[in-house]
């Protein structure tokens, strides 16, 4: 059965959205996802600071 992620505390930095969720073990994780068309970049982080840094430095390869 796939895991369901309920995101809260969503923020946006440029085209990247950062959302807070709990993983299967109950730990808080931060997902950073680029919302630009055809980009497809996403990553999970253990701290909000790391997710914000990734969002600020992300550059889409699709132009």
Protein backbone atom coordinates (compact mmCIF):
# COMPACT_ATOMS: atom_id res chain seq x y z
CA UNK A 1 0.00 0.00 0.00
CA UNK A 2 1.53 3.37 -0.97
CA UNK A 3 2.14 5.93 1.72
CA UNK A 4 -0.11 8.99 1.90
CA UNK A 5 1.57 12.28 2.53
CA UNK A 6 -0.43 15.07 4.15
CA UNK A 7 1.53 18.25 3.57
CA UNK A 8 1.20 21.24 5.84
CA UNK A 9 3.18 24.46 6.28
CA UNK A 10 3.62 24.83 2.52
CA UNK A 11 5.83 27.72 1.39
CA UNK A 12 6.97 28.84 -2.02
CA UNK A 13 10.41 30.09 -3.07
CA UNK A 14 10.41 30.92 -6.77
CA UNK A 15 9.07 27.91 -8.68
CA UNK A 16 9.87 25.55 -5.77
CA UNK A 17 7.33 24.61 -3.13
CA UNK A 18 8.40 23.27 0.27
CA UNK A 19 5.97 21.19 2.31
CA UNK A 20 6.25 19.56 5.72
CA UNK A 21 5.07 15.97 6.18
CA UNK A 22 5.64 12.92 8.38
CA UNK A 23 7.25 9.81 6.92
CA UNK A 24 6.25 6.20 7.64
CA UNK A 25 8.22 6.21 10.90
CA UNK A 26 6.58 9.38 12.20
CA UNK A 27 9.60 11.62 11.62
CA UNK A 28 9.11 15.12 10.25
CA UNK A 29 10.46 15.56 6.72
CA UNK A 30 10.53 18.48 4.32
CA UNK A 31 9.88 17.97 0.62
CA UNK A 32 11.07 20.49 -1.97
CA UNK A 33 9.37 20.20 -5.37
CA UNK A 34 9.82 22.31 -8.50
CA UNK A 35 6.48 23.20 -10.06
CA UNK A 36 7.87 24.32 -13.44
CA UNK A 37 6.64 22.41 -16.49
CA UNK A 38 8.82 19.44 -17.49
CA UNK A 39 11.35 20.00 -14.67
CA UNK A 40 10.52 17.04 -12.43
CA UNK A 41 12.98 17.94 -9.64
CA UNK A 42 12.09 16.96 -6.08
CA UNK A 43 13.94 15.98 -2.91
CA UNK A 44 13.28 15.14 0.75
CA UNK A 45 15.25 16.79 3.56
CA UNK A 46 15.44 16.33 7.32
CA UNK A 47 15.62 20.07 8.09
CA UNK A 48 13.66 23.02 6.79
CA UNK A 49 16.85 25.03 6.40
CA UNK A 50 18.29 22.46 3.99
CA UNK A 51 15.07 22.45 1.96
CA UNK A 52 15.07 26.25 1.76
CA UNK A 53 18.71 26.30 0.65
CA UNK A 54 17.97 23.75 -2.07
CA UNK A 55 14.96 25.79 -3.21
CA UNK A 56 16.99 29.00 -3.41
CA UNK A 57 19.83 27.38 -5.39
CA UNK A 58 17.69 25.22 -7.71
CA UNK A 59 17.97 26.05 -11.38
CA UNK A 60 15.67 24.34 -13.86
CA UNK A 61 17.47 22.74 -16.77
CA UNK A 62 14.38 23.00 -18.95
CA UNK A 63 14.14 26.29 -20.84
